[in-house]
Amino acid sequence: MRALIGFLTVVVVALAGSWAWVQFGPGLSGRGPGGDDGGVGVGLSPAGPGPERVIRVQVLNGTREGGVASRLASYLREGGFHVIEVKNADRSDYGATLVVARSEDPSAARAVARYLGHPPVVLQARSADPAEVTVVIGSDRSRVRIEP
């Protein structure tokens, strides 16, 4: 019985340490408690703290609501992201907002997702794409931060 209690104690301590590392670890420069990055869209480098870099973002409207992509693009620009294109998606019936990583390294897409309130991140790397990240706005847009 003591061995079981000792084992469970080690598991609980390991889980707590893992959670603390994810929340406050050094690879998450600028990220505060609760996962908020403080609205900062730049300053992310793949190796953690370091020189700032700008993240190039494409915004696609996947809804029938006009102007939603322009509002999101303005919000992203306020956060320091470089919006390179705003247009309609291939269809207007996306149910969920998605953040698409266009490179093998999803860190830029994760930074955009944090800034927008954590919509899902999908990896779909394309080497010829000028945008590092594509945001497809879906009908759940009320769950995503679009305006300050």
Protein backbone atom coordinates (compact mmCIF):
# COMPACT_ATOMS: atom_id res chain seq x y z
CA MET A 1 0.00 0.00 0.00
CA ARG A 2 2.84 2.42 0.83
CA ALA A 3 4.44 1.72 -2.53
CA LEU A 4 1.19 2.64 -4.31
CA ILE A 5 0.86 5.89 -2.35
CA GLY A 6 4.50 6.74 -3.09
CA PHE A 7 4.00 6.05 -6.79
CA LEU A 8 0.85 8.20 -6.94
CA THR A 9 2.66 11.01 -5.12
CA VAL A 10 5.43 10.96 -7.73
CA VAL A 11 2.84 11.04 -10.56
CA VAL A 12 1.02 14.01 -9.02
CA VAL A 13 4.27 15.94 -8.50
CA ALA A 14 5.33 15.20 -12.09
CA LEU A 15 1.99 16.40 -13.47
CA ALA A 16 2.10 19.57 -11.39
CA GLY A 17 5.65 20.27 -12.55
CA SER A 18 4.69 19.65 -16.17
CA TRP A 19 1.74 22.03 -15.89
CA ALA A 20 3.92 24.70 -14.29
CA TRP A 21 6.53 24.34 -17.05
CA VAL A 22 3.88 24.78 -19.75
CA GLN A 23 2.39 27.83 -18.04
CA PHE A 24 5.56 29.62 -16.96
CA GLY A 25 8.48 27.93 -18.75
CA PRO A 26 11.20 29.88 -20.55
CA GLY A 27 10.01 28.95 -24.06
CA LEU A 28 6.89 31.07 -23.62
CA SER A 29 8.32 34.58 -23.53
CA GLY A 30 5.67 37.18 -22.86
CA ARG A 31 2.99 34.66 -21.93
CA GLY A 32 1.33 35.35 -18.62
CA PRO A 33 -0.62 33.12 -16.26
CA GLY A 34 -3.66 31.49 -17.83
CA GLY A 35 -2.10 31.33 -21.28
CA ASP A 36 -2.56 34.98 -22.22
CA ASP A 37 0.27 36.44 -24.25
CA GLY A 38 -0.71 39.98 -23.32
CA GLY A 39 -1.82 40.76 -26.86
CA VAL A 40 1.67 40.65 -28.30
CA GLY A 41 1.95 39.35 -31.86
CA VAL A 42 5.67 39.86 -32.28
CA GLY A 43 8.63 38.85 -30.20
CA LEU A 44 8.16 35.18 -30.91
CA SER A 45 11.17 33.26 -32.07
CA PRO A 46 11.21 29.49 -32.63
CA ALA A 47 13.79 29.05 -29.88
CA GLY A 48 11.88 31.11 -27.30
CA PRO A 49 13.10 34.52 -26.17
CA GLY A 50 15.18 36.33 -28.71
CA PRO A 51 14.98 38.81 -31.53
CA GLU A 52 11.51 39.85 -32.56
CA ARG A 53 10.09 38.65 -35.84
CA VAL A 54 6.94 39.56 -37.70
CA ILE A 55 4.41 36.83 -38.46
CA ARG A 56 2.83 37.03 -41.93
CA VAL A 57 -0.90 36.21 -41.84
CA GLN A 58 -3.55 35.60 -44.50
CA VAL A 59 -7.18 36.11 -43.38
CA LEU A 60 -10.02 34.29 -45.15
CA ASN A 61 -13.73 34.88 -44.54
CA GLY A 62 -15.44 31.48 -44.40
CA THR A 63 -18.85 32.97 -43.48
CA ARG A 64 -21.62 34.84 -45.26
CA GLU A 65 -21.10 37.91 -43.02
CA GLY A 66 -19.42 40.73 -44.89
CA GLY A 67 -16.56 42.67 -43.35
CA VAL A 68 -15.66 40.12 -40.69
CA ALA A 69 -12.29 39.34 -42.31
CA SER A 70 -11.41 43.05 -42.48
CA ARG A 71 -12.24 43.49 -38.78
CA LEU A 72 -10.12 40.49 -37.86
CA ALA A 73 -7.26 41.76 -40.04
CA SER A 74 -7.36 45.13 -38.25
CA TYR A 75 -7.29 43.40 -34.88
CA LEU A 76 -4.31 41.27 -35.95
CA ARG A 77 -2.45 44.37 -37.18
CA GLU A 78 -3.04 46.05 -33.80
CA GLY A 79 -1.42 43.01 -32.22
CA GLY A 80 1.72 43.40 -34.32
CA PHE A 81 1.01 40.75 -36.96
CA HIS A 82 1.66 41.51 -40.64
CA VAL A 83 -1.56 40.78 -42.56
CA ILE A 84 -0.58 40.20 -46.18
CA GLU A 85 -3.97 39.24 -47.64
CA VAL A 86 -7.67 39.49 -46.79
CA LYS A 87 -10.24 37.74 -48.97
CA ASN A 88 -13.14 35.29 -49.03
CA ALA A 89 -12.45 31.61 -48.42
CA ASP A 90 -13.22 28.95 -51.02
CA ARG A 91 -16.66 28.53 -49.43
CA SER A 92 -18.83 30.41 -46.94
CA ASP A 93 -20.01 27.57 -44.68
CA TYR A 94 -17.05 26.94 -42.37
CA GLY A 95 -18.47 25.95 -39.00
CA ALA A 96 -15.33 26.63 -36.99
CA THR A 97 -12.56 29.21 -37.11
CA LEU A 98 -9.20 27.61 -37.87
CA VAL A 99 -5.62 28.81 -37.65
CA VAL A 100 -3.56 27.03 -40.30
CA ALA A 101 0.22 26.70 -39.95
CA ARG A 102 1.76 27.04 -43.42
CA SER A 103 5.26 25.97 -42.34
CA GLU A 104 6.65 22.90 -40.62
CA ASP A 105 7.12 24.93 -37.43
CA PRO A 106 3.67 25.69 -35.94
CA SER A 107 4.95 28.26 -33.41
CA ALA A 108 3.76 31.24 -35.48
CA ALA A 109 0.28 29.71 -35.83
CA ARG A 110 0.17 29.03 -32.10
CA ALA A 111 1.01 32.69 -31.40
CA VAL A 112 -1.85 33.81 -33.66
CA ALA A 113 -4.21 31.30 -32.03
CA ARG A 114 -3.27 32.57 -28.54
CA TYR A 115 -3.93 36.14 -29.62
CA LEU A 116 -7.34 35.21 -31.05
CA GLY A 117 -8.52 33.24 -28.03
CA HIS A 118 -7.24 29.73 -28.85
CA PRO A 119 -9.10 28.48 -31.94
CA PRO A 120 -7.77 25.12 -33.23
CA VAL A 121 -4.40 25.05 -35.03
CA VAL A 122 -4.04 22.85 -38.10
CA LEU A 123 -0.71 21.99 -39.75
CA GLN A 124 -0.81 22.29 -43.55
CA ALA A 125 2.69 23.22 -44.67
CA ARG A 126 3.21 24.75 -48.09
CA SER A 127 6.70 25.94 -48.89
CA ALA A 128 5.62 28.33 -51.67
CA ASP A 129 3.05 30.16 -49.56
CA PRO A 130 4.06 33.77 -48.65
CA ALA A 131 1.94 33.62 -45.48
CA GLU A 132 3.21 31.71 -42.46
CA VAL A 133 -0.31 31.47 -41.05
CA THR A 134 -3.81 31.44 -42.54
CA VAL A 135 -6.85 32.24 -40.41
CA VAL A 136 -10.15 30.93 -41.79
CA ILE A 137 -13.06 32.59 -40.00
CA GLY A 138 -15.98 30.25 -39.36
CA SER A 139 -19.52 30.71 -38.08
CA ASP A 140 -18.23 30.37 -34.49
CA ARG A 141 -16.59 33.80 -34.83
CA SER A 142 -18.29 35.02 -31.65
CA ARG A 143 -15.97 32.66 -29.72
CA VAL A 144 -12.88 34.24 -31.28
CA ARG A 145 -11.43 37.65 -30.45
CA ILE A 146 -11.93 39.81 -33.52
CA GLU A 147 -11.95 43.22 -31.89
CA PRO A 148 -10.24 44.65 -28.82
